[in-house]
C-alpha atoms as a PDB file:
ATOM      1  CA  MET A   1       3.953  -0.934  12.367  1.00  0.00           C
ATOM      2  CA  LYS A   2       3.457  -3.160   9.354  1.00  0.00           C
ATOM      3  CA  THR A   3       3.537  -6.610  10.972  1.00  0.00           C
ATOM      4  CA  ILE A   4       1.604  -7.703  14.064  1.00  0.00           C
ATOM      5  CA  LEU A   5       1.983 -11.002  15.913  1.00  0.00           C
ATOM      6  CA  CYS A   6      -0.774 -12.458  18.086  1.00  0.00           C
ATOM      7  CA  PRO A   7       0.062 -15.662  19.997  1.00  0.00           C
ATOM      8  CA  THR A   8      -2.984 -17.826  20.692  1.00  0.00           C
ATOM      9  CA  ASP A   9      -3.923 -20.908  22.675  1.00  0.00           C
ATOM     10  CA  PHE A  10      -7.542 -20.847  21.411  1.00  0.00           C
ATOM     11  CA  SER A  11      -8.765 -19.598  24.790  1.00  0.00           C
ATOM     12  CA  ASP A  12     -11.446 -16.916  25.092  1.00  0.00           C
ATOM     13  CA  ALA A  13      -8.782 -14.396  26.175  1.00  0.00           C
ATOM     14  CA  SER A  14      -6.583 -15.061  23.146  1.00  0.00           C
ATOM     15  CA  ASN A  15      -9.559 -15.062  20.749  1.00  0.00           C
ATOM     16  CA  ASN A  16     -10.507 -11.654  22.123  1.00  0.00           C
ATOM     17  CA  ALA A  17      -6.914 -10.466  21.588  1.00  0.00           C
ATOM     18  CA  ILE A  18      -7.061 -11.682  17.965  1.00  0.00           C
ATOM     19  CA  ALA A  19     -10.123  -9.513  17.298  1.00  0.00           C
ATOM     20  CA  TYR A  20      -8.338  -6.564  18.939  1.00  0.00           C
ATOM     21  CA  ALA A  21      -5.178  -7.182  16.898  1.00  0.00           C
ATOM     22  CA  ALA A  22      -7.214  -7.449  13.691  1.00  0.00           C
ATOM     23  CA  LYS A  23      -8.740  -4.021  14.339  1.00  0.00           C
ATOM     24  CA  LEU A  24      -5.250  -2.596  14.897  1.00  0.00           C
ATOM     25  CA  ALA A  25      -4.100  -4.218  11.662  1.00  0.00           C
ATOM     26  CA  GLN A  26      -6.950  -2.458   9.870  1.00  0.00           C
ATOM     27  CA  LYS A  27      -5.929   0.904  11.350  1.00  0.00           C
ATOM     28  CA  PHE A  28      -2.209   0.447  10.655  1.00  0.00           C
ATOM     29  CA  GLU A  29      -2.763  -1.226   7.271  1.00  0.00           C
ATOM     30  CA  ALA A  30      -0.642  -4.047   8.638  1.00  0.00           C
ATOM     31  CA  SER A  31      -0.637  -7.817   8.309  1.00  0.00           C
ATOM     32  CA  LEU A  32      -1.531 -10.068  11.233  1.00  0.00           C
ATOM     33  CA  THR A  33       0.029 -13.425  12.043  1.00  0.00           C
ATOM     34  CA  LEU A  34      -1.557 -15.866  14.496  1.00  0.00           C
ATOM     35  CA  LEU A  35       1.009 -17.966  16.325  1.00  0.00           C
ATOM     36  CA  GLN A  36       0.366 -21.178  18.209  1.00  0.00           C
ATOM     37  CA  VAL A  37       3.363 -22.644  20.031  1.00  0.00           C
ATOM     38  CA  GLN A  38       3.257 -26.091  21.565  1.00  0.00           C
ATOM     39  CA  SER A  39       5.966 -26.189  24.160  1.00  0.00           C
ATOM     40  CA  ALA A  40       7.089 -29.470  25.701  1.00  0.00           C
ATOM     41  CA  PHE A  41       6.470 -27.735  29.024  1.00  0.00           C
ATOM     42  CA  GLU A  42       2.816 -27.184  28.063  1.00  0.00           C
ATOM     43  CA  LEU A  43       1.902 -30.644  26.708  1.00  0.00           C
ATOM     44  CA  SER A  44      -0.280 -32.934  28.777  1.00  0.00           C
ATOM     45  CA  PRO A  45       0.921 -36.510  29.564  1.00  0.00           C
ATOM     46  CA  ALA A  46      -1.598 -37.880  27.033  1.00  0.00           C
ATOM     47  CA  GLU A  47      -0.242 -35.600  24.307  1.00  0.00           C
ATOM     48  CA  MET A  48       3.307 -36.627  25.166  1.00  0.00           C
ATOM     49  CA  ILE A  49       2.327 -40.292  24.730  1.00  0.00           C
ATOM     50  CA  ARG A  50       0.455 -39.723  21.435  1.00  0.00           C
ATOM     51  CA  GLY A  51       3.286 -37.649  20.118  1.00  0.00           C
ATOM     52  CA  ARG A  52       3.771 -33.969  19.554  1.00  0.00           C
ATOM     53  CA  GLU A  53       3.535 -34.249  15.759  1.00  0.00           C
ATOM     54  CA  THR A  54      -0.097 -35.444  15.807  1.00  0.00           C
ATOM     55  CA  SER A  55      -1.070 -32.684  18.211  1.00  0.00           C
ATOM     56  CA  THR A  56       0.703 -30.024  16.127  1.00  0.00           C
ATOM     57  CA  THR A  57      -1.030 -31.176  12.927  1.00  0.00           C
ATOM     58  CA  ARG A  58      -4.448 -30.916  14.552  1.00  0.00           C
ATOM     59  CA  THR A  59      -3.570 -27.477  15.904  1.00  0.00           C
ATOM     60  CA  TRP A  60      -2.373 -26.294  12.505  1.00  0.00           C
ATOM     61  CA  HIS A  61      -5.696 -27.097  10.822  1.00  0.00           C
ATOM     62  CA  ALA A  62      -7.632 -25.215  13.524  1.00  0.00           C
ATOM     63  CA  LEU A  63      -5.264 -22.237  13.337  1.00  0.00           C
ATOM     64  CA  GLU A  64      -5.393 -22.070   9.544  1.00  0.00           C
ATOM     65  CA  ALA A  65      -9.179 -22.065   9.630  1.00  0.00           C
ATOM     66  CA  GLN A  66      -9.119 -19.260  12.202  1.00  0.00           C
ATOM     67  CA  SER A  67      -6.739 -17.156  10.088  1.00  0.00           C
ATOM     68  CA  ARG A  68      -9.008 -17.556   7.053  1.00  0.00           C
ATOM     69  CA  GLU A  69     -11.992 -16.413   9.126  1.00  0.00           C
ATOM     70  CA  VAL A  70     -10.070 -13.352  10.380  1.00  0.00           C
ATOM     71  CA  THR A  71      -9.063 -12.484   6.798  1.00  0.00           C
ATOM     72  CA  ARG A  72     -12.696 -12.740   5.691  1.00  0.00           C
ATOM     73  CA  ALA A  73     -14.235 -10.894   8.642  1.00  0.00           C
ATOM     74  CA  PHE A  74     -11.744  -8.016   8.958  1.00  0.00           C
ATOM     75  CA  LYS A  75     -10.553  -7.719   5.332  1.00  0.00           C
ATOM     76  CA  ILE A  76      -6.875  -7.893   6.287  1.00  0.00           C
ATOM     77  CA  SER A  77      -3.969 -10.192   5.470  1.00  0.00           C
ATOM     78  CA  CYS A  78      -3.924 -12.804   8.233  1.00  0.00           C
ATOM     79  CA  TYR A  79      -1.487 -15.705   8.350  1.00  0.00           C
ATOM     80  CA  ALA A  80      -1.150 -18.797  10.527  1.00  0.00           C
ATOM     81  CA  GLU A  81       2.006 -20.191  12.093  1.00  0.00           C
ATOM     82  CA  ALA A  82       2.090 -23.263  14.326  1.00  0.00           C
ATOM     83  CA  THR A  83       5.252 -24.704  15.751  1.00  0.00           C
ATOM     84  CA  SER A  84       6.550 -26.907  18.541  1.00  0.00           C
ATOM     85  CA  ALA A  85       9.431 -25.952  20.771  1.00  0.00           C
ATOM     86  CA  PRO A  86      11.457 -27.642  23.510  1.00  0.00           C
ATOM     87  CA  GLU A  87      11.746 -24.465  25.589  1.00  0.00           C
ATOM     88  CA  LYS A  88       9.189 -22.637  27.687  1.00  0.00           C
ATOM     89  CA  LEU A  89       6.325 -20.909  25.914  1.00  0.00           C
ATOM     90  CA  SER A  90       7.522 -17.372  26.704  1.00  0.00           C
ATOM     91  CA  ALA A  91      10.966 -18.091  25.222  1.00  0.00           C
ATOM     92  CA  ALA A  92       9.428 -19.585  22.082  1.00  0.00           C
ATOM     93  CA  ILE A  93       7.199 -16.543  21.604  1.00  0.00           C
ATOM     94  CA  HIS A  94      10.243 -14.284  22.015  1.00  0.00           C
ATOM     95  CA  ASP A  95      12.117 -16.156  19.286  1.00  0.00           C
ATOM     96  CA  GLN A  96       9.198 -15.972  16.866  1.00  0.00           C
ATOM     97  CA  ALA A  97       8.485 -12.293  17.631  1.00  0.00           C
ATOM     98  CA  GLU A  98      11.820 -11.045  16.289  1.00  0.00           C
ATOM     99  CA  ARG A  99      10.308 -10.722  12.788  1.00  0.00           C
ATOM    100  CA  PHE A 100       7.397  -8.499  13.869  1.00  0.00           C
ATOM    101  CA  ASP A 101       6.871  -4.845  14.787  1.00  0.00           C
ATOM    102  CA  LEU A 102       4.217  -5.344  17.461  1.00  0.00           C
ATOM    103  CA  ILE A 103       2.899  -8.164  19.640  1.00  0.00           C
ATOM    104  CA  VAL A 104      -0.690  -8.360  20.890  1.00  0.00           C
ATOM    105  CA  MET A 105      -1.452 -10.808  23.701  1.00  0.00           C
ATOM    106  CA  GLY A 106      -4.602 -11.626  25.628  1.00  0.00           C
ATOM    107  CA  SER A 107      -4.559 -11.956  29.395  1.00  0.00           C
ATOM    108  CA  ASN A 108      -7.084 -13.092  31.975  1.00  0.00           C
ATOM    109  CA  GLY A 109      -4.800 -12.361  34.914  1.00  0.00           C
ATOM    110  CA  PRO A 110      -3.053 -15.030  36.979  1.00  0.00           C
ATOM    111  CA  ASP A 111      -4.843 -18.338  36.353  1.00  0.00           C
ATOM    112  CA  ASP A 112      -3.566 -20.173  39.397  1.00  0.00           C
ATOM    113  CA  LEU A 113      -1.312 -19.876  42.444  1.00  0.00           C
ATOM    114  CA  TYR A 114       1.850 -20.652  40.462  1.00  0.00           C
ATOM    115  CA  GLN A 115       1.124 -17.890  37.954  1.00  0.00           C
ATOM    116  CA  LEU A 116       0.209 -15.502  40.756  1.00  0.00           C
ATOM    117  CA  LEU A 117       3.654 -16.041  42.280  1.00  0.00           C
ATOM    118  CA  PHE A 118       5.796 -16.388  39.165  1.00  0.00           C
ATOM    119  CA  GLY A 119       3.776 -14.637  36.451  1.00  0.00           C
ATOM    120  CA  SER A 120       1.503 -15.693  33.624  1.00  0.00           C
ATOM    121  CA  ASN A 121       2.662 -16.733  30.158  1.00  0.00           C
ATOM    122  CA  THR A 122       1.765 -13.226  29.000  1.00  0.00           C
ATOM    123  CA  TYR A 123       3.855 -11.622  31.749  1.00  0.00           C
ATOM    124  CA  ASN A 124       6.863 -13.851  31.125  1.00  0.00           C
ATOM    125  CA  ALA A 125       6.684 -13.239  27.369  1.00  0.00           C
ATOM    126  CA  ILE A 126       6.640  -9.491  28.040  1.00  0.00           C
ATOM    127  CA  LEU A 127       9.845  -9.666  30.073  1.00  0.00           C
ATOM    128  CA  LYS A 128      11.645 -11.474  27.255  1.00  0.00           C
ATOM    129  CA  SER A 129      10.377  -9.274  24.426  1.00  0.00           C
ATOM    130  CA  ASN A 130      12.403  -6.513  22.783  1.00  0.00           C
ATOM    131  CA  LYS A 131       9.335  -5.429  20.800  1.00  0.00           C
ATOM    132  CA  PRO A 132       6.309  -3.448  22.037  1.00  0.00           C
ATOM    133  CA  VAL A 133       3.585  -5.651  23.509  1.00  0.00           C
ATOM    134  CA  ILE A 134      -0.075  -4.703  23.903  1.00  0.00           C
ATOM    135  CA  VAL A 135      -1.786  -6.685  26.662  1.00  0.00           C
ATOM    136  CA  VAL A 136      -5.532  -6.986  26.124  1.00  0.00           C
ATOM    137  CA  PRO A 137      -7.597  -8.041  29.177  1.00  0.00           C
ATOM    138  CA  ALA A 138     -10.168 -10.767  28.583  1.00  0.00           C
ATOM    139  CA  GLY A 139     -13.505  -9.348  27.456  1.00  0.00           C
ATOM    140  CA  LEU A 140     -12.135  -5.942  26.492  1.00  0.00           C
ATOM    141  CA  GLY A 141     -13.359  -4.906  23.060  1.00  0.00           C
ATOM    142  CA  TYR A 142     -11.406  -2.707  20.682  1.00  0.00           C
ATOM    143  CA  SER A 143     -11.858   1.044  20.784  1.00  0.00           C
ATOM    144  CA  ALA A 144      -9.685   3.746  19.274  1.00  0.00           C
ATOM    145  CA  ILE A 145      -6.775   4.858  21.466  1.00  0.00           C
ATOM    146  CA  ARG A 146      -7.061   8.651  21.517  1.00  0.00           C
ATOM    147  CA  SER A 147      -5.433   9.236  24.898  1.00  0.00           C
ATOM    148  CA  MET A 148      -2.558   7.353  26.522  1.00  0.00           C
ATOM    149  CA  VAL A 149      -0.905   7.582  29.947  1.00  0.00           C
ATOM    150  CA  TYR A 150       2.774   6.697  30.201  1.00  0.00           C
ATOM    151  CA  ALA A 151       3.677   5.923  33.830  1.00  0.00           C
ATOM    152  CA  PHE A 152       7.352   6.256  34.695  1.00  0.00           C
ATOM    153  CA  ASP A 153       9.548   7.568  37.523  1.00  0.00           C
ATOM    154  CA  TYR A 154      11.576   9.931  35.362  1.00  0.00           C
ATOM    155  CA  LEU A 155      12.567  12.027  38.380  1.00  0.00           C
ATOM    156  CA  ARG A 156      14.456   9.125  39.968  1.00  0.00           C
ATOM    157  CA  ASN A 157      15.914   7.911  36.665  1.00  0.00           C
ATOM    158  CA  ARG A 158      16.658  11.379  35.250  1.00  0.00           C
ATOM    159  CA  THR A 159      15.506  10.166  31.849  1.00  0.00           C
ATOM    160  CA  LEU A 160      12.280   9.257  30.044  1.00  0.00           C
ATOM    161  CA  PRO A 161      12.579   6.357  27.562  1.00  0.00           C
ATOM    162  CA  LEU A 162      10.424   7.210  24.541  1.00  0.00           C
ATOM    163  CA  THR A 163      12.237   5.720  21.541  1.00  0.00           C
ATOM    164  CA  HIS A 164       9.921   2.724  21.135  1.00  0.00           C
ATOM    165  CA  LEU A 165       6.760   4.545  22.232  1.00  0.00           C
ATOM    166  CA  VAL A 166       6.903   7.592  19.955  1.00  0.00           C
ATOM    167  CA  PRO A 167       6.211   5.684  16.675  1.00  0.00           C
ATOM    168  CA  LEU A 168       3.132   4.074  18.235  1.00  0.00           C
ATOM    169  CA  VAL A 169       1.829   7.392  19.594  1.00  0.00           C
ATOM    170  CA  GLN A 170       2.342   8.953  16.167  1.00  0.00           C
ATOM    171  CA  LYS A 171       0.621   6.063  14.408  1.00  0.00           C
ATOM    172  CA  LEU A 172      -2.349   6.245  16.765  1.00  0.00           C
ATOM    173  CA  SER A 173      -2.431  10.074  16.683  1.00  0.00           C
ATOM    174  CA  CYS A 174      -3.228  10.034  20.396  1.00  0.00           C
ATOM    175  CA  ARG A 175      -2.655  12.466  23.244  1.00  0.00           C
ATOM    176  CA  LEU A 176       0.113  11.514  25.685  1.00  0.00           C
ATOM    177  CA  THR A 177       0.174  12.185  29.426  1.00  0.00           C
ATOM    178  CA  VAL A 178       3.422  11.374  31.238  1.00  0.00           C
ATOM    179  CA  LEU A 179       2.617  10.249  34.766  1.00  0.00           C
ATOM    180  CA  GLN A 180       5.416  10.665  37.309  1.00  0.00           C
ATOM    181  CA  VAL A 181       5.083   7.843  39.842  1.00  0.00           C
ATOM    182  CA  MET A 182       6.884   8.192  43.135  1.00  0.00           C
ATOM    183  CA  GLU A 183       6.770   6.972  46.706  1.00  0.00           C
ATOM    184  CA  ASP A 184       8.095  10.247  48.143  1.00  0.00           C
ATOM    185  CA  ALA A 185       5.891  12.876  49.748  1.00  0.00           C
ATOM    186  CA  TYR A 186       5.485  16.326  48.194  1.00  0.00           C
ATOM    187  CA  SER A 187       8.454  18.693  48.313  1.00  0.00           C
ATOM    188  CA  GLN A 188       9.126  22.005  46.619  1.00  0.00           C
ATOM    189  CA  ASP A 189      12.549  20.813  45.469  1.00  0.00           C
ATOM    190  CA  ALA A 190      11.035  17.785  43.755  1.00  0.00           C
ATOM    191  CA  GLU A 191       8.443  19.963  42.027  1.00  0.00           C
ATOM    192  CA  GLU A 192      11.141  22.265  40.678  1.00  0.00           C
ATOM    193  CA  GLU A 193      13.178  19.288  39.444  1.00  0.00           C
ATOM    194  CA  LEU A 194      10.112  17.869  37.728  1.00  0.00           C
ATOM    195  CA  LYS A 195       9.455  21.143  35.913  1.00  0.00           C
ATOM    196  CA  GLU A 196      13.080  21.275  34.771  1.00  0.00           C
ATOM    197  CA  LEU A 197      12.929  17.719  33.442  1.00  0.00           C
ATOM    198  CA  GLN A 198       9.591  18.368  31.745  1.00  0.00           C
ATOM    199  CA  TYR A 199      11.108  21.359  29.941  1.00  0.00           C
ATOM    200  CA  ILE A 200      13.999  19.173  28.742  1.00  0.00           C
ATOM    201  CA  ILE A 201      11.585  16.445  27.553  1.00  0.00           C
ATOM    202  CA  ASP A 202       9.409  18.974  25.709  1.00  0.00           C
ATOM    203  CA  THR A 203      12.436  20.558  24.051  1.00  0.00           C
ATOM    204  CA  TYR A 204      13.934  17.241  22.955  1.00  0.00           C
ATOM    205  CA  HIS A 205      10.700  15.704  21.629  1.00  0.00           C
ATOM    206  CA  HIS A 206       8.892  18.779  20.267  1.00  0.00           C
ATOM    207  CA  ARG A 207       9.268  17.512  16.699  1.00  0.00           C
ATOM    208  CA  ASP A 208       8.116  13.961  17.506  1.00  0.00           C
ATOM    209  CA  LEU A 209       5.145  14.739  19.743  1.00  0.00           C
ATOM    210  CA  LYS A 210       2.839  17.711  19.333  1.00  0.00           C
ATOM    211  CA  GLU A 211       1.972  17.979  22.995  1.00  0.00           C
ATOM    212  CA  ILE A 212       2.877  16.149  26.190  1.00  0.00           C
ATOM    213  CA  LYS A 213       0.889  16.668  29.370  1.00  0.00           C
ATOM    214  CA  TYR A 214       2.226  15.847  32.821  1.00  0.00           C
ATOM    215  CA  ASP A 215       0.756  14.570  36.063  1.00  0.00           C
ATOM    216  CA  THR A 216       2.050  13.045  39.302  1.00  0.00           C
ATOM    217  CA  VAL A 217       0.940  10.342  41.745  1.00  0.00           C
ATOM    218  CA  ARG A 218       2.539   9.706  45.117  1.00  0.00           C
ATOM    219  CA  ASP A 219       1.858   6.439  46.894  1.00  0.00           C
ATOM    220  CA  ALA A 220       3.757   3.611  48.580  1.00  0.00           C
ATOM    221  CA  ASP A 221       1.902   1.110  46.374  1.00  0.00           C
ATOM    222  CA  ILE A 222       2.841   2.272  42.890  1.00  0.00           C
ATOM    223  CA  ALA A 223       0.864  -0.329  40.923  1.00  0.00           C
ATOM    224  CA  GLN A 224      -2.360   0.352  42.810  1.00  0.00           C
ATOM    225  CA  ALA A 225      -1.811   4.112  42.494  1.00  0.00           C
ATOM    226  CA  ILE A 226      -1.415   3.822  38.712  1.00  0.00           C
ATOM    227  CA  ASN A 227      -4.517   1.630  38.468  1.00  0.00           C
ATOM    228  CA  ARG A 228      -6.573   4.093  40.529  1.00  0.00           C
ATOM    229  CA  TYR A 229      -5.372   6.934  38.292  1.00  0.00           C
ATOM    230  CA  MET A 230      -6.424   5.000  35.189  1.00  0.00           C
ATOM    231  CA  LEU A 231      -9.862   4.199  36.604  1.00  0.00           C
ATOM    232  CA  LYS A 232     -10.434   7.797  37.703  1.00  0.00           C
ATOM    233  CA  ASN A 233      -9.231   9.569  34.538  1.00  0.00           C
ATOM    234  CA  MET A 234     -10.252   6.857  32.058  1.00  0.00           C
ATOM    235  CA  PRO A 235      -7.626   7.267  29.321  1.00  0.00           C
ATOM    236  CA  ASP A 236      -7.760   4.723  26.516  1.00  0.00           C
ATOM    237  CA  ALA A 237      -4.471   2.936  27.294  1.00  0.00           C
ATOM    238  CA  LEU A 238      -1.575   2.712  29.730  1.00  0.00           C
ATOM    239  CA  ALA A 239       2.080   2.529  28.650  1.00  0.00           C
ATOM    240  CA  LEU A 240       4.885   1.070  30.770  1.00  0.00           C
ATOM    241  CA  CYS A 241       8.596   0.594  30.120  1.00  0.00           C
ATOM    242  CA  SER A 242       9.787  -2.961  30.746  1.00  0.00           C
ATOM    243  CA  GLU A 243      13.399  -2.288  31.676  1.00  0.00           C
ATOM    244  CA  HIS A 244      15.556   0.136  33.604  1.00  0.00           C
ATOM    245  CA  HIS A 245      19.328   0.350  33.474  1.00  0.00           C
ATOM    246  CA  SER A 246      19.824  -0.231  37.206  1.00  0.00           C
ATOM    247  CA  LEU A 247      19.169  -3.576  38.891  1.00  0.00           C
ATOM    248  CA  ALA A 248      16.912  -1.943  41.485  1.00  0.00           C
ATOM    249  CA  GLY A 249      14.961  -0.200  38.716  1.00  0.00           C
ATOM    250  CA  ARG A 250      14.463  -3.443  36.776  1.00  0.00           C
ATOM    251  CA  ILE A 251      13.183  -5.309  39.830  1.00  0.00           C
ATOM    252  CA  PHE A 252      10.880  -2.430  40.798  1.00  0.00           C
ATOM    253  CA  HIS A 253       9.336  -1.905  37.398  1.00  0.00           C
ATOM    254  CA  LYS A 254       8.939  -5.601  36.586  1.00  0.00           C
ATOM    255  CA  SER A 255       6.963  -5.934  39.799  1.00  0.00           C
ATOM    256  CA  VAL A 256       4.704  -3.048  38.741  1.00  0.00           C
ATOM    257  CA  ILE A 257       4.137  -4.615  35.311  1.00  0.00           C
ATOM    258  CA  LYS A 258       3.301  -7.956  36.917  1.00  0.00           C
ATOM    259  CA  GLN A 259       0.701  -6.396  39.206  1.00  0.00           C
ATOM    260  CA  ILE A 260      -0.825  -4.126  36.574  1.00  0.00           C
ATOM    261  CA  THR A 261      -1.265  -6.848  33.943  1.00  0.00           C
ATOM    262  CA  ALA A 262      -2.995  -9.019  36.563  1.00  0.00           C
ATOM    263  CA  ILE A 263      -5.631  -6.417  37.518  1.00  0.00           C
ATOM    264  CA  CYS A 264      -6.081  -4.050  34.553  1.00  0.00           C
ATOM    265  CA  ASN A 265      -9.331  -3.675  32.612  1.00  0.00           C
ATOM    266  CA  TYR A 266      -7.734  -1.441  29.944  1.00  0.00           C
ATOM    267  CA  PRO A 267      -5.085  -2.155  27.300  1.00  0.00           C
ATOM    268  CA  VAL A 268      -1.507  -1.949  28.567  1.00  0.00           C
ATOM    269  CA  ILE A 269       1.365  -1.200  26.181  1.00  0.00           C
ATOM    270  CA  ILE A 270       4.718  -2.478  27.410  1.00  0.00           C
ATOM    271  CA  PHE A 271       7.799  -1.499  25.478  1.00  0.00           C
ATOM    272  CA  PRO A 272      11.550  -2.084  26.007  1.00  0.00           C
ATOM    273  CA  HIS A 273      13.948   0.617  27.174  1.00  0.00           C
END
């Protein structure tokens, strides 16, 4: 985790994410890059008339000044990148993120009806990313992540993706609780299968992770059940996997991510399968 990317649109939510990312950069001894992308899809009619180049130049000066301030305030290496792109913002962020180990993005939930139905820029960038993304809700200040909950239906999938999460857990030196999420009611058979899978997970990852705890929630509304669990137990962060191998799994889990990132008041770490 040596390079962190933080896209910004100069909003309060993205400025808050920059401060959060800067604190992470301090902890990881990493560099931070602030990215501002002007997509043709995002420009106003007035900006289209004046020309994208003028708008990008003005943005660059503001972004460079912000990166200097972050370098001064947090004593880290902070760089500025501003670019224009013909594609949608989420696709542009995906292209730029290939060079980084971690992405930190601010979110203030769905801003309007369109985003509520089709997802915010943050949500759409998450779906396209093959790097871990930390979503920071607006107004949430940085605090050390000492405990993390990883919500996943490993009983249904017969596997628990951990490849991309383990390095982050190790870097943070945090405790990990694996939360089995399922719509099914309690059954003895399911409990025995869970214990068998937990033994396999412990055996396979005993060198990577010192200790994994396990818990289970059962509810028809998975996203709300996870959120209630987080609010009740108050861990420092939630982890979700952004992709399953099956089509049904991908649709299901993307829906959960969409709902969680719209309502959470805690950092959410989304990582690829």
